Amino acid sequence: MLSLPCAINSNYTTILVFIIAIRMLFLQASLTFYRLQILVLLP
């Protein structure tokens, strides 16, 4: 485990950050869609 090259470790960290950013964006988009649905359904 400790013998892994540094390049693979940094690549894994980049992928992890990328996945977290995508999940945050998806969560924000779904929340915005939910709010828009509420605004449409209220009147």
Foldseek 3Di string as FASTA:
>chain_A
DVPDDPVVVVVVVVVVVVVVVVVVVVVVVVVVVVVVVCVVPPD
